[in-house]
Amino acid sequence: MALTAARDVAIIILCVESLIIGGLLIVLVLQLQSLMRLLQQELRPILHSLQDTVGTVRGTTTIVSDYVVTPVARLASLWEGIREGAEAFTRRPRGRP
């Protein structure tokens, strides 16, 4: 008789525990849905802003490359060529002091 009463109590405890876990799982799923909705609403504007920024940076680097880096590189190579040419004319032959 005591064994059947203990079994009945254990079954009731397990049923209550299952109901509590099921309720918590439902709350968890609802919270996940809310989180997904929030992320979609917040991330889309952030991604659009990021794409605009990337476009701006791409344009800026193109302008800097065209108007700053390329002329400076050409000037540096011209200067180096003039320096090497001048050095070739002013260099002493190797055999003579």
Protein backbone atom coordinates (compact mmCIF):
# COMPACT_ATOMS: atom_id res chain seq x y z
CA MET A 1 0.00 0.00 0.00
CA ALA A 2 2.82 2.47 0.85
CA LEU A 3 4.57 1.53 -2.38
CA THR A 4 1.54 2.36 -4.52
CA ALA A 5 1.06 5.66 -2.67
CA ALA A 6 4.74 6.56 -3.31
CA ARG A 7 4.29 5.61 -6.97
CA ASP A 8 1.21 7.81 -7.28
CA VAL A 9 2.99 10.75 -5.64
CA ALA A 10 6.01 10.28 -7.98
CA ILE A 11 3.71 10.25 -11.02
CA ILE A 12 1.99 13.43 -9.85
CA ILE A 13 5.35 15.14 -9.25
CA LEU A 14 6.58 14.11 -12.72
CA CYS A 15 3.37 15.41 -14.33
CA VAL A 16 3.68 18.77 -12.57
CA GLU A 17 7.35 18.96 -13.53
CA SER A 18 6.47 18.17 -17.18
CA LEU A 19 3.84 20.91 -17.19
CA ILE A 20 6.32 23.43 -15.77
CA ILE A 21 9.01 22.48 -18.32
CA GLY A 22 6.46 22.63 -21.16
CA GLY A 23 5.35 26.10 -20.06
CA LEU A 24 8.94 27.29 -19.86
CA LEU A 25 9.63 25.92 -23.35
CA ILE A 26 6.63 27.83 -24.71
CA VAL A 27 7.94 31.03 -23.08
CA LEU A 28 11.40 30.33 -24.56
CA VAL A 29 9.99 29.90 -28.08
CA LEU A 30 7.99 33.14 -27.76
CA GLN A 31 11.08 35.00 -26.57
CA LEU A 32 13.10 33.61 -29.49
CA GLN A 33 10.44 34.81 -31.92
CA SER A 34 10.54 38.23 -30.35
CA LEU A 35 14.33 38.29 -30.59
CA MET A 36 14.27 37.27 -34.25
CA ARG A 37 11.74 40.00 -35.06
CA LEU A 38 13.84 42.59 -33.23
CA LEU A 39 17.00 41.52 -35.02
CA GLN A 40 15.33 41.70 -38.42
CA GLN A 41 13.93 45.16 -37.72
CA GLU A 42 17.21 46.49 -36.33
CA LEU A 43 19.77 44.76 -38.54
CA ARG A 44 18.28 45.69 -41.89
CA PRO A 45 18.73 49.46 -41.38
CA ILE A 46 22.22 48.85 -40.00
CA LEU A 47 23.14 46.75 -43.05
CA HIS A 48 21.78 49.39 -45.42
CA SER A 49 23.80 52.05 -43.62
CA LEU A 50 26.87 49.85 -43.80
CA GLN A 51 26.41 49.38 -47.55
CA ASP A 52 26.14 53.15 -48.00
CA THR A 53 29.31 53.63 -45.97
CA VAL A 54 31.17 51.02 -48.02
CA GLY A 55 30.11 52.80 -51.20
CA THR A 56 31.35 56.12 -49.82
CA VAL A 57 34.67 54.59 -48.79
CA ARG A 58 35.05 52.97 -52.21
CA GLY A 59 34.47 56.32 -53.91
CA THR A 60 36.88 58.09 -51.57
CA THR A 61 39.64 55.56 -52.18
CA THR A 62 39.15 55.88 -55.93
CA ILE A 63 39.44 59.65 -55.75
CA VAL A 64 42.49 59.51 -53.47
CA SER A 65 44.12 56.94 -55.74
CA ASP A 66 43.45 58.98 -58.89
CA TYR A 67 44.40 62.40 -57.56
CA VAL A 68 46.99 61.73 -54.85
CA VAL A 69 48.67 58.33 -55.01
CA THR A 70 49.15 58.06 -58.77
CA PRO A 71 50.68 61.54 -59.25
CA VAL A 72 52.94 61.09 -56.24
CA ALA A 73 54.10 57.70 -57.52
CA ARG A 74 54.80 59.17 -60.97
CA LEU A 75 56.69 62.08 -59.46
CA ALA A 76 58.73 59.75 -57.25
CA SER A 77 59.63 57.51 -60.20
CA LEU A 78 60.57 60.55 -62.31
CA TRP A 79 62.72 61.93 -59.51
CA GLU A 80 64.42 58.56 -59.05
CA GLY A 81 65.09 58.32 -62.79
CA ILE A 82 66.63 61.81 -62.84
CA ARG A 83 68.76 60.95 -59.81
CA GLU A 84 69.97 57.66 -61.32
CA GLY A 85 70.71 59.39 -64.63
CA ALA A 86 72.69 62.15 -62.92
CA GLU A 87 74.56 59.56 -60.88
CA ALA A 88 75.44 57.64 -64.05
CA PHE A 89 76.98 60.77 -65.61
CA THR A 90 78.90 61.79 -62.49
CA ARG A 91 80.17 58.30 -61.59
CA ARG A 92 83.90 57.73 -62.02
CA PRO A 93 85.08 54.75 -63.98
CA ARG A 94 86.09 51.82 -61.84
CA GLY A 95 89.66 51.41 -63.00
CA ARG A 96 90.75 55.01 -62.40
CA PRO A 97 91.15 56.85 -59.09
